[in-house]
Amino acid sequence: MTDYDPPFAFTGTIKKALVDVSGEPIEDREAQVRMYLARQ
């Protein structure tokens, strides 16, 4: 199941993808608490 159905198929070629990881990291405190509780 997908949340997005495009109106047409992508027929191109992706030759390069750049990911910028600079900046302040985002912390999901609720996810951290769920993870710690799941370990117990």
C-alpha atoms as a PDB file:
ATOM      1  CA  MET A   1       0.000   0.000   0.000  1.00  0.00           C
ATOM      2  CA  THR A   2       1.303   3.441  -0.874  1.00  0.00           C
ATOM      3  CA  ASP A   3       0.149   6.817   0.339  1.00  0.00           C
ATOM      4  CA  TYR A   4       0.809   8.466  -3.021  1.00  0.00           C
ATOM      5  CA  ASP A   5      -0.198   7.256  -6.448  1.00  0.00           C
ATOM      6  CA  PRO A   6       1.604   9.304  -9.093  1.00  0.00           C
ATOM      7  CA  PRO A   7      -0.270  10.275 -12.251  1.00  0.00           C
ATOM      8  CA  PHE A   8       2.545   8.823 -14.404  1.00  0.00           C
ATOM      9  CA  ALA A   9       5.492   6.410 -14.105  1.00  0.00           C
ATOM     10  CA  PHE A  10       9.014   7.760 -13.602  1.00  0.00           C
ATOM     11  CA  THR A  11      11.039   6.748 -16.652  1.00  0.00           C
ATOM     12  CA  GLY A  12      14.219   8.702 -15.969  1.00  0.00           C
ATOM     13  CA  THR A  13      17.516   7.661 -14.410  1.00  0.00           C
ATOM     14  CA  ILE A  14      18.770   8.940 -11.075  1.00  0.00           C
ATOM     15  CA  LYS A  15      22.534   9.264 -11.371  1.00  0.00           C
ATOM     16  CA  LYS A  16      23.251  11.032  -8.094  1.00  0.00           C
ATOM     17  CA  ALA A  17      21.549  11.847  -4.822  1.00  0.00           C
ATOM     18  CA  LEU A  18      22.913  14.302  -2.291  1.00  0.00           C
ATOM     19  CA  VAL A  19      21.913  14.241   1.369  1.00  0.00           C
ATOM     20  CA  ASP A  20      22.687  17.255   3.546  1.00  0.00           C
ATOM     21  CA  VAL A  21      23.096  16.170   7.166  1.00  0.00           C
ATOM     22  CA  SER A  22      24.438  19.447   8.460  1.00  0.00           C
ATOM     23  CA  GLY A  23      22.641  21.386  11.125  1.00  0.00           C
ATOM     24  CA  GLU A  24      21.223  20.446  14.482  1.00  0.00           C
ATOM     25  CA  PRO A  25      19.935  16.892  14.875  1.00  0.00           C
ATOM     26  CA  ILE A  26      16.232  16.464  15.575  1.00  0.00           C
ATOM     27  CA  GLU A  27      15.499  14.423  18.693  1.00  0.00           C
ATOM     28  CA  ASP A  28      12.210  12.565  19.002  1.00  0.00           C
ATOM     29  CA  ARG A  29      11.902  12.224  22.775  1.00  0.00           C
ATOM     30  CA  GLU A  30       8.640  10.274  22.576  1.00  0.00           C
ATOM     31  CA  ALA A  31      10.224   7.694  20.266  1.00  0.00           C
ATOM     32  CA  GLN A  32      13.178   7.355  22.658  1.00  0.00           C
ATOM     33  CA  VAL A  33      10.833   6.728  25.590  1.00  0.00           C
ATOM     34  CA  ARG A  34       8.886   4.104  23.575  1.00  0.00           C
ATOM     35  CA  MET A  35      12.172   2.394  22.701  1.00  0.00           C
ATOM     36  CA  TYR A  36      13.323   2.319  26.326  1.00  0.00           C
ATOM     37  CA  LEU A  37       9.949   0.995  27.517  1.00  0.00           C
ATOM     38  CA  ALA A  38       9.932  -1.697  24.825  1.00  0.00           C
ATOM     39  CA  ARG A  39      13.255  -3.028  26.126  1.00  0.00           C
ATOM     40  CA  GLN A  40      11.828  -3.684  29.578  1.00  0.00           C
END
